[in-house]
Structures are given as C-alpha cells and as structure tokens.
C-alpha cells in the first residue's frame, strides 16, 4: 500500500539547520542595561525595574514608596495572542527550511510585544495613578511636566523599551 506521498527534494539538512537556529534564539523585551542617565543616578533599566516591581527609595532626601506599575508584564500579556501567532509562523517557516522568514517572524513578535508595553504607558489608565504630591512636583519643575500619566514624564523610560532577537 502506497501513502500517496511523493518526495521531490530532500531538504532534511536545511530544515534541521533552520530548527536548530530557531531553538537557539530568544526574543527579549525590556529595557537594556546602560549607563546612568544625566538627570538621574540610576540607568533606565534600573528605573524600569523599580517602577515595575515597586520599591521604597530615597528621592531628593525624602523616602518615597513607588507602587508597582508592571508595564512590561501587562504589555507582553496584552500582546500574547499576536506574538504567539508570530512564533508559530516562525516555527512553521523553520519546518519549511526558511530560516530568513522565521527570523522575520521573530523580529515581528518582538516589535509587537515592545509596542504593546509602550501602549500601556501611553494609555496610563491601568497603572497606579500618580500621587497629588508627585503631580505638584511635576508642575513645579523647570520646564514643567504636563499631564498626569504615570511613567510618562519626559519620555526617557518610554523610549528605552526595546526588543532584541538573539542567540541563547
């Protein structure tokens, strides 16, 4: 009995190479480590961590408690369906021996998750609101910071959110 399957080309090695490449790759979304900012003693990565998890810190000689504002977790969760679809397409492309197309889908998954995390900050409505004291301090700054969205003061943290596709 025949299966009806016809093999036209043996591309086992191409498929195997593409799968190896895919399985050895991570898609990461976050804030890369970097030097401290000019306007703050911490780097954007450190500030992002403290803002995400919440912390008690000293700012201008005063002890302040920052509530957790997990913008990265929220954005990644918001984009889960779309990123999962792209990861599936990457796997399918690898099975077809198309490593370049698989890489394109991994890049797209990273972009989608990054943009969703930025959207959480931009909307601001799901993050713990700023205290009245913080809003007053923002207005008193030179130049003043308009608006009352958490994590969206001058945009440094927002612009620092990145994605990377890299080897494990």
N, C-alpha and C. Protein backbone atom coordinates (compact mmCIF):
# COMPACT_ATOMS: atom_id res chain seq x y z
N UNK A 1 0.84 -1.18 0.00
CA UNK A 1 0.00 0.00 0.00
C UNK A 1 0.89 1.24 0.00
N UNK A 2 0.59 2.18 -0.89
CA UNK A 2 1.37 3.40 -1.00
C UNK A 2 0.68 4.53 -0.23
N UNK A 3 1.50 5.42 0.28
CA UNK A 3 0.95 6.54 1.05
C UNK A 3 0.45 7.67 0.18
N UNK A 4 0.86 7.70 -1.05
CA UNK A 4 0.49 8.80 -1.93
C UNK A 4 1.41 10.00 -1.78
N UNK A 5 2.39 9.89 -0.92
CA UNK A 5 3.35 10.96 -0.68
C UNK A 5 4.50 10.85 -1.65
N UNK A 6 4.82 11.95 -2.32
CA UNK A 6 5.93 11.96 -3.26
C UNK A 6 7.01 12.89 -2.73
N UNK A 7 8.22 12.39 -2.63
CA UNK A 7 9.34 13.22 -2.19
C UNK A 7 10.03 13.77 -3.43
N UNK A 8 9.99 15.09 -3.56
CA UNK A 8 10.61 15.74 -4.71
C UNK A 8 12.03 16.18 -4.42
N UNK A 9 12.26 16.51 -3.15
CA UNK A 9 13.57 17.05 -2.81
C UNK A 9 13.85 16.71 -1.35
N UNK A 10 15.06 16.31 -1.06
CA UNK A 10 15.45 16.02 0.32
C UNK A 10 16.08 17.29 0.90
N UNK A 11 15.30 18.00 1.70
CA UNK A 11 15.85 19.20 2.32
C UNK A 11 15.92 19.03 3.85
N UNK A 12 16.19 17.81 4.26
CA UNK A 12 16.32 17.47 5.67
C UNK A 12 17.34 18.38 6.36
N UNK A 13 18.50 18.55 5.76
CA UNK A 13 19.56 19.36 6.38
C UNK A 13 19.16 20.82 6.50
N UNK A 14 18.48 21.35 5.51
CA UNK A 14 18.03 22.75 5.55
C UNK A 14 17.02 22.93 6.69
N UNK A 15 16.07 22.00 6.79
CA UNK A 15 15.06 22.07 7.84
C UNK A 15 15.71 21.92 9.21
N UNK A 16 16.61 20.97 9.34
CA UNK A 16 17.30 20.74 10.61
C UNK A 16 18.09 21.98 11.02
N UNK A 17 18.80 22.59 10.09
CA UNK A 17 19.56 23.81 10.39
C UNK A 17 18.63 24.93 10.83
N UNK A 18 17.51 25.11 10.14
CA UNK A 18 16.55 26.17 10.50
C UNK A 18 15.97 25.93 11.89
N UNK A 19 15.64 24.68 12.21
CA UNK A 19 15.11 24.36 13.53
C UNK A 19 16.14 24.58 14.63
N UNK A 20 17.40 24.22 14.36
CA UNK A 20 18.47 24.46 15.33
C UNK A 20 18.63 25.96 15.58
N UNK A 21 18.59 26.72 14.51
CA UNK A 21 18.73 28.17 14.63
C UNK A 21 17.58 28.75 15.45
N UNK A 22 16.37 28.30 15.17
CA UNK A 22 15.18 28.80 15.87
C UNK A 22 15.22 28.42 17.35
N UNK A 23 15.57 27.18 17.65
CA UNK A 23 15.57 26.73 19.04
C UNK A 23 16.68 27.37 19.86
N UNK A 24 17.68 27.92 19.21
CA UNK A 24 18.77 28.58 19.91
C UNK A 24 18.61 30.09 19.96
N UNK A 25 17.38 30.57 19.78
CA UNK A 25 17.13 32.00 19.69
C UNK A 25 16.12 32.44 20.74
N UNK A 26 16.36 33.60 21.35
CA UNK A 26 15.43 34.22 22.29
C UNK A 26 14.90 35.51 21.70
N UNK A 27 13.66 35.84 22.03
CA UNK A 27 13.09 37.15 21.74
C UNK A 27 12.87 37.80 23.11
N UNK A 28 13.58 38.88 23.38
CA UNK A 28 13.52 39.54 24.68
C UNK A 28 12.95 40.94 24.54
N UNK A 29 12.11 41.32 25.49
CA UNK A 29 11.53 42.66 25.51
C UNK A 29 11.84 43.26 26.87
N UNK A 30 12.32 44.49 26.88
CA UNK A 30 12.63 45.13 28.14
C UNK A 30 13.41 46.41 27.93
N UNK A 31 14.16 46.76 28.96
CA UNK A 31 14.97 47.97 28.93
C UNK A 31 16.42 47.54 29.09
N UNK A 32 17.23 47.73 28.05
CA UNK A 32 18.62 47.27 28.14
C UNK A 32 19.40 48.02 29.21
N UNK A 33 20.36 47.32 29.78
CA UNK A 33 21.25 47.95 30.75
C UNK A 33 22.04 49.03 30.03
N UNK A 34 22.32 50.05 30.73
CA UNK A 34 23.08 51.14 30.13
C UNK A 34 23.64 52.01 31.23
N UNK A 35 24.33 53.05 30.85
CA UNK A 35 24.92 53.94 31.85
C UNK A 35 23.82 54.74 32.56
N UNK A 36 24.12 55.24 33.74
CA UNK A 36 23.16 56.11 34.42
C UNK A 36 22.79 57.30 33.54
N UNK A 37 21.59 57.78 33.73
CA UNK A 37 21.14 58.94 32.96
C UNK A 37 21.77 60.21 33.51
N UNK A 38 21.80 61.25 32.69
CA UNK A 38 22.33 62.53 33.14
C UNK A 38 21.47 63.15 34.24
N UNK A 39 20.16 62.90 34.16
CA UNK A 39 19.23 63.54 35.10
C UNK A 39 18.85 62.63 36.27
N UNK A 40 19.48 61.45 36.40
CA UNK A 40 19.13 60.52 37.48
C UNK A 40 20.35 59.66 37.81
N UNK A 41 20.46 59.23 39.07
CA UNK A 41 21.61 58.41 39.45
C UNK A 41 21.52 56.96 38.99
N UNK A 42 20.38 56.56 38.44
CA UNK A 42 20.17 55.18 38.00
C UNK A 42 20.01 55.12 36.49
N UNK A 43 20.25 53.94 35.94
CA UNK A 43 20.04 53.74 34.50
C UNK A 43 18.55 53.54 34.23
N UNK A 44 18.16 53.63 32.97
CA UNK A 44 16.77 53.38 32.61
C UNK A 44 16.35 51.96 32.99
N UNK A 45 17.25 51.00 32.85
CA UNK A 45 16.94 49.61 33.21
C UNK A 45 16.62 49.51 34.70
N UNK A 46 17.43 50.16 35.53
CA UNK A 46 17.19 50.14 36.97
C UNK A 46 15.88 50.85 37.32
N UNK A 47 15.66 51.99 36.70
CA UNK A 47 14.41 52.72 36.95
C UNK A 47 13.19 51.90 36.51
N UNK A 48 13.30 51.26 35.35
CA UNK A 48 12.21 50.43 34.86
C UNK A 48 11.90 49.29 35.80
N UNK A 49 12.93 48.67 36.34
CA UNK A 49 12.74 47.56 37.29
C UNK A 49 12.02 48.07 38.54
N UNK A 50 12.51 49.17 39.10
CA UNK A 50 11.89 49.71 40.32
C UNK A 50 10.44 50.12 40.07
N UNK A 51 10.18 50.72 38.92
CA UNK A 51 8.81 51.11 38.61
C UNK A 51 7.91 49.89 38.40
N UNK A 52 8.44 48.86 37.77
CA UNK A 52 7.65 47.65 37.50
C UNK A 52 7.29 46.89 38.77
N UNK A 53 8.26 46.76 39.66
CA UNK A 53 8.07 45.92 40.84
C UNK A 53 7.62 46.70 42.06
N UNK A 54 7.79 48.02 42.02
CA UNK A 54 7.51 48.84 43.20
C UNK A 54 8.74 48.82 44.10
N UNK A 55 8.90 49.88 44.87
CA UNK A 55 10.09 49.97 45.73
C UNK A 55 9.93 51.15 46.68
N UNK A 56 10.69 51.10 47.74
CA UNK A 56 10.82 52.25 48.62
C UNK A 56 12.21 52.81 48.37
N UNK A 57 12.26 54.05 47.91
CA UNK A 57 13.52 54.67 47.51
C UNK A 57 13.63 56.06 48.11
N UNK A 58 14.84 56.59 48.06
CA UNK A 58 15.05 57.96 48.52
C UNK A 58 15.21 58.87 47.30
N UNK A 59 14.36 59.89 47.23
CA UNK A 59 14.41 60.86 46.14
C UNK A 59 14.53 62.25 46.76
N UNK A 60 15.59 62.94 46.40
CA UNK A 60 15.83 64.29 46.93
C UNK A 60 15.78 64.32 48.45
N UNK A 61 16.38 63.31 49.09
CA UNK A 61 16.44 63.27 50.55
C UNK A 61 15.16 62.83 51.23
N UNK A 62 14.18 62.43 50.47
CA UNK A 62 12.89 62.03 51.03
C UNK A 62 12.61 60.57 50.66
N UNK A 63 12.13 59.79 51.62
CA UNK A 63 11.79 58.39 51.36
C UNK A 63 10.41 58.31 50.73
N UNK A 64 10.34 57.64 49.59
CA UNK A 64 9.09 57.55 48.83
C UNK A 64 8.83 56.07 48.50
N UNK A 65 7.57 55.69 48.51
CA UNK A 65 7.20 54.34 48.10
C UNK A 65 6.58 54.40 46.71
N UNK A 66 7.23 53.72 45.78
CA UNK A 66 6.71 53.65 44.41
C UNK A 66 5.82 52.41 44.31
N UNK A 67 4.57 52.58 43.89
CA UNK A 67 3.72 51.39 43.71
C UNK A 67 4.18 50.62 42.48
N UNK A 68 3.90 49.34 42.47
CA UNK A 68 4.25 48.52 41.30
C UNK A 68 3.40 48.95 40.11
N UNK A 69 4.07 49.19 39.01
CA UNK A 69 3.41 49.52 37.74
C UNK A 69 4.02 48.61 36.67
N UNK A 70 3.57 47.37 36.60
CA UNK A 70 4.20 46.35 35.75
C UNK A 70 3.88 46.50 34.26
N UNK A 71 4.33 47.59 33.68
CA UNK A 71 4.01 47.92 32.29
C UNK A 71 4.51 46.87 31.29
N UNK A 72 5.68 46.30 31.53
CA UNK A 72 6.20 45.28 30.61
C UNK A 72 5.36 44.01 30.67
N UNK A 73 5.08 43.55 31.88
CA UNK A 73 4.26 42.35 32.03
C UNK A 73 2.89 42.53 31.39
N UNK A 74 2.29 43.69 31.61
CA UNK A 74 0.96 43.97 31.06
C UNK A 74 1.00 43.99 29.53
N UNK A 75 2.00 44.65 28.99
CA UNK A 75 2.12 44.74 27.53
C UNK A 75 2.36 43.39 26.88
N UNK A 76 3.22 42.60 27.50
CA UNK A 76 3.51 41.27 26.96
C UNK A 76 2.25 40.40 27.02
N UNK A 77 1.52 40.49 28.13
CA UNK A 77 0.27 39.72 28.25
C UNK A 77 -0.76 40.22 27.24
N UNK A 78 -0.87 41.53 27.07
CA UNK A 78 -1.83 42.09 26.10
C UNK A 78 -1.56 41.59 24.69
N UNK A 79 -0.30 41.39 24.37
CA UNK A 79 0.09 41.02 23.00
C UNK A 79 0.29 39.52 22.82
N UNK A 80 -0.02 38.75 23.85
CA UNK A 80 0.26 37.30 23.83
C UNK A 80 -0.30 36.60 22.59
N UNK A 81 -1.55 36.86 22.23
CA UNK A 81 -2.15 36.17 21.07
C UNK A 81 -1.39 36.49 19.78
N UNK A 82 -1.07 37.77 19.59
CA UNK A 82 -0.37 38.17 18.36
C UNK A 82 1.06 37.66 18.32
N UNK A 83 1.75 37.73 19.47
CA UNK A 83 3.13 37.25 19.48
C UNK A 83 3.18 35.73 19.34
N UNK A 84 2.22 35.04 19.96
CA UNK A 84 2.16 33.58 19.83
C UNK A 84 1.96 33.18 18.38
N UNK A 85 1.09 33.92 17.68
CA UNK A 85 0.86 33.63 16.26
C UNK A 85 2.15 33.80 15.46
N UNK A 86 2.90 34.86 15.76
CA UNK A 86 4.17 35.08 15.04
C UNK A 86 5.20 33.99 15.37
N UNK A 87 5.21 33.55 16.62
CA UNK A 87 6.14 32.48 16.99
C UNK A 87 5.76 31.17 16.30
N UNK A 88 4.47 30.92 16.16
CA UNK A 88 4.02 29.73 15.42
C UNK A 88 4.45 29.83 13.95
N UNK A 89 4.29 31.02 13.37
CA UNK A 89 4.70 31.21 11.98
C UNK A 89 6.21 31.02 11.83
N UNK A 90 6.97 31.46 12.84
CA UNK A 90 8.42 31.26 12.81
C UNK A 90 8.75 29.77 12.82
N UNK A 91 8.06 29.02 13.67
CA UNK A 91 8.30 27.57 13.73
C UNK A 91 7.92 26.90 12.41
N UNK A 92 6.79 27.30 11.85
CA UNK A 92 6.35 26.73 10.58
C UNK A 92 7.37 27.04 9.47
N UNK A 93 7.86 28.26 9.46
CA UNK A 93 8.86 28.64 8.46
C UNK A 93 10.13 27.82 8.63
N UNK A 94 10.52 27.59 9.88
CA UNK A 94 11.71 26.76 10.13
C UNK A 94 11.49 25.34 9.62
N UNK A 95 10.29 24.81 9.84
CA UNK A 95 9.98 23.45 9.35
C UNK A 95 10.03 23.38 7.83
N UNK A 96 9.77 24.50 7.20
CA UNK A 96 9.83 24.56 5.73
C UNK A 96 11.24 24.89 5.24
N UNK A 97 12.18 25.04 6.19
CA UNK A 97 13.56 25.34 5.82
C UNK A 97 13.81 26.79 5.48
N UNK A 98 12.90 27.67 5.88
CA UNK A 98 13.00 29.10 5.55
C UNK A 98 13.46 29.88 6.79
N UNK A 99 14.74 29.78 7.09
CA UNK A 99 15.30 30.43 8.28
C UNK A 99 15.14 31.94 8.23
N UNK A 100 15.27 32.55 7.05
CA UNK A 100 15.15 34.01 6.94
C UNK A 100 13.72 34.46 7.25
N UNK A 101 12.73 33.70 6.82
CA UNK A 101 11.33 34.04 7.10
C UNK A 101 11.04 33.83 8.59
N UNK A 102 11.61 32.77 9.16
CA UNK A 102 11.45 32.52 10.60
C UNK A 102 12.01 33.69 11.39
N UNK A 103 13.18 34.18 11.00
CA UNK A 103 13.79 35.33 11.69
C UNK A 103 12.91 36.56 11.58
N UNK A 104 12.28 36.76 10.44
CA UNK A 104 11.38 37.90 10.24
C UNK A 104 10.20 37.82 11.23
N UNK A 105 9.66 36.62 11.42
CA UNK A 105 8.54 36.46 12.35
C UNK A 105 8.98 36.67 13.81
N UNK A 106 10.19 36.26 14.14
CA UNK A 106 10.70 36.51 15.49
C UNK A 106 10.86 38.01 15.73
N UNK A 107 11.38 38.72 14.74
CA UNK A 107 11.50 40.18 14.84
C UNK A 107 10.13 40.81 15.04
N UNK A 108 9.14 40.35 14.28
CA UNK A 108 7.79 40.90 14.38
C UNK A 108 7.21 40.64 15.77
N UNK A 109 7.45 39.46 16.34
CA UNK A 109 6.96 39.15 17.69
C UNK A 109 7.55 40.13 18.70
N UNK A 110 8.84 40.41 18.58
CA UNK A 110 9.48 41.37 19.47
C UNK A 110 8.91 42.77 19.34
N UNK A 111 8.70 43.20 18.10
CA UNK A 111 8.13 44.53 17.86
C UNK A 111 6.73 44.65 18.45
N UNK A 112 5.93 43.62 18.27
CA UNK A 112 4.55 43.63 18.77
C UNK A 112 4.54 43.75 20.30
N UNK A 113 5.35 42.95 20.98
CA UNK A 113 5.40 42.99 22.45
C UNK A 113 5.96 44.33 22.95
N UNK A 114 6.99 44.84 22.28
CA UNK A 114 7.55 46.15 22.65
C UNK A 114 6.49 47.24 22.53
N UNK A 115 5.80 47.26 21.40
CA UNK A 115 4.79 48.30 21.17
C UNK A 115 3.63 48.18 22.14
N UNK A 116 3.26 46.96 22.51
CA UNK A 116 2.17 46.77 23.48
C UNK A 116 2.58 47.28 24.86
N UNK A 117 3.84 47.10 25.23
CA UNK A 117 4.33 47.61 26.51
C UNK A 117 4.34 49.13 26.52
N UNK A 118 4.74 49.71 25.41
CA UNK A 118 4.71 51.17 25.30
C UNK A 118 3.27 51.69 25.34
N UNK A 119 2.34 50.94 24.76
CA UNK A 119 0.93 51.34 24.75
C UNK A 119 0.36 51.39 26.17
N UNK A 120 0.82 50.51 27.04
CA UNK A 120 0.37 50.52 28.44
C UNK A 120 0.77 51.84 29.09
N UNK A 121 2.00 52.27 28.86
CA UNK A 121 2.47 53.55 29.42
C UNK A 121 1.71 54.70 28.78
N UNK A 122 1.57 54.67 27.47
CA UNK A 122 0.91 55.78 26.76
C UNK A 122 -0.52 55.96 27.23
N UNK A 123 -1.26 54.87 27.40
CA UNK A 123 -2.64 54.97 27.87
C UNK A 123 -2.66 55.40 29.34
N UNK A 124 -1.83 54.77 30.15
CA UNK A 124 -1.70 55.14 31.56
C UNK A 124 -2.87 54.77 32.45
N UNK A 125 -3.98 54.37 31.87
CA UNK A 125 -5.20 54.17 32.65
C UNK A 125 -5.22 52.90 33.50
N UNK A 126 -4.30 51.98 33.26
CA UNK A 126 -4.26 50.73 34.04
C UNK A 126 -3.14 50.74 35.08
N UNK A 127 -2.38 51.81 35.11
CA UNK A 127 -1.28 51.92 36.06
C UNK A 127 -1.75 52.70 37.29
N UNK A 128 -1.15 52.39 38.44
CA UNK A 128 -1.48 53.13 39.66
C UNK A 128 -1.27 54.62 39.41
N UNK A 129 -2.29 55.44 39.68
CA UNK A 129 -2.17 56.88 39.40
C UNK A 129 -1.06 57.55 40.22
N UNK A 130 -0.60 58.67 39.72
CA UNK A 130 0.38 59.46 40.45
C UNK A 130 -0.28 60.08 41.68
N UNK A 131 0.52 60.29 42.71
CA UNK A 131 0.00 60.97 43.90
C UNK A 131 -0.12 62.46 43.59
N UNK A 132 -0.94 63.14 44.36
CA UNK A 132 -1.09 64.59 44.19
C UNK A 132 0.25 65.29 44.40
N UNK A 133 1.03 64.78 45.35
CA UNK A 133 2.35 65.36 45.63
C UNK A 133 3.25 65.27 44.39
N UNK A 134 3.23 64.13 43.71
CA UNK A 134 4.05 63.95 42.51
C UNK A 134 3.57 64.88 41.40
N UNK A 135 2.28 65.00 41.24
CA UNK A 135 1.73 65.89 40.20
C UNK A 135 2.16 67.33 40.48
N UNK A 136 2.11 67.76 41.73
CA UNK A 136 2.54 69.12 42.09
C UNK A 136 4.03 69.32 41.80
N UNK A 137 4.84 68.30 42.12
CA UNK A 137 6.28 68.39 41.84
C UNK A 137 6.54 68.51 40.34
N UNK A 138 5.78 67.76 39.54
CA UNK A 138 5.93 67.83 38.08
C UNK A 138 5.63 69.25 37.58
N UNK A 139 4.60 69.86 38.12
CA UNK A 139 4.22 71.21 37.67
C UNK A 139 5.26 72.25 38.08
N UNK A 140 5.95 71.98 39.20
CA UNK A 140 6.94 72.94 39.70
C UNK A 140 8.29 72.81 39.00
N UNK A 141 8.50 71.74 38.26
CA UNK A 141 9.79 71.53 37.58
C UNK A 141 9.99 72.56 36.47
N UNK A 142 11.25 72.77 36.13
CA UNK A 142 11.60 73.68 35.04
C UNK A 142 12.24 72.88 33.92
N UNK A 143 11.69 72.76 32.75
CA UNK A 143 10.32 73.15 32.43
C UNK A 143 9.32 72.19 33.09
N UNK A 144 8.11 72.66 33.32
CA UNK A 144 7.11 71.81 33.98
C UNK A 144 6.76 70.59 33.13
N UNK A 145 6.33 69.54 33.80
CA UNK A 145 5.91 68.32 33.10
C UNK A 145 4.39 68.31 33.07
N UNK A 146 3.81 68.44 31.88
CA UNK A 146 2.34 68.43 31.79
C UNK A 146 1.80 67.01 31.91
N UNK A 147 0.53 66.90 32.15
CA UNK A 147 -0.12 65.59 32.20
C UNK A 147 0.07 64.90 33.53
N UNK A 148 -0.67 63.83 33.71
CA UNK A 148 -0.59 63.10 34.97
C UNK A 148 -0.48 61.59 34.74
N UNK A 149 0.05 61.20 33.59
CA UNK A 149 0.22 59.78 33.31
C UNK A 149 1.44 59.24 34.04
N UNK A 150 1.27 58.14 34.77
CA UNK A 150 2.43 57.53 35.41
C UNK A 150 3.44 57.06 34.36
N UNK A 151 4.70 57.14 34.67
CA UNK A 151 5.81 56.66 33.82
C UNK A 151 5.96 57.44 32.52
N UNK A 152 5.25 58.53 32.36
CA UNK A 152 5.30 59.28 31.09
C UNK A 152 5.68 60.73 31.34
N UNK A 153 6.74 60.94 32.09
CA UNK A 153 7.16 62.31 32.39
C UNK A 153 7.82 62.94 31.16
N UNK A 154 9.07 62.68 30.96
CA UNK A 154 9.79 63.26 29.82
C UNK A 154 10.05 62.25 28.71
N UNK A 155 9.62 61.02 28.90
CA UNK A 155 9.69 60.02 27.84
C UNK A 155 10.96 59.18 27.80
N UNK A 156 11.88 59.36 28.76
CA UNK A 156 13.13 58.59 28.73
C UNK A 156 12.87 57.09 28.90
N UNK A 157 12.06 56.74 29.89
CA UNK A 157 11.75 55.33 30.14
C UNK A 157 10.98 54.73 28.97
N UNK A 158 10.02 55.47 28.47
CA UNK A 158 9.20 55.05 27.33
C UNK A 158 10.07 54.71 26.12
N UNK A 159 10.99 55.62 25.80
CA UNK A 159 11.85 55.42 24.63
C UNK A 159 12.89 54.32 24.85
N UNK A 160 13.15 53.97 26.11
CA UNK A 160 14.16 52.95 26.41
C UNK A 160 13.64 51.53 26.21
N UNK A 161 12.34 51.35 26.08
CA UNK A 161 11.78 50.00 25.91
C UNK A 161 12.17 49.48 24.53
N UNK A 162 12.83 48.33 24.51
CA UNK A 162 13.35 47.75 23.27
C UNK A 162 13.03 46.26 23.21
N UNK A 163 13.34 45.68 22.08
CA UNK A 163 13.30 44.23 21.96
C UNK A 163 14.58 43.81 21.26
N UNK A 164 14.95 42.57 21.46
CA UNK A 164 16.12 42.03 20.78
C UNK A 164 15.86 40.56 20.47
N UNK A 165 16.29 40.14 19.31
CA UNK A 165 16.28 38.72 18.93
C UNK A 165 17.74 38.30 18.96
N UNK A 166 18.06 37.34 19.83
CA UNK A 166 19.47 36.98 19.98
C UNK A 166 19.64 35.49 20.23
N UNK A 167 20.86 35.06 20.05
CA UNK A 167 21.21 33.66 20.33
C UNK A 167 21.20 33.45 21.84
N UNK A 168 20.77 32.26 22.25
CA UNK A 168 20.76 31.93 23.69
C UNK A 168 22.17 31.78 24.20
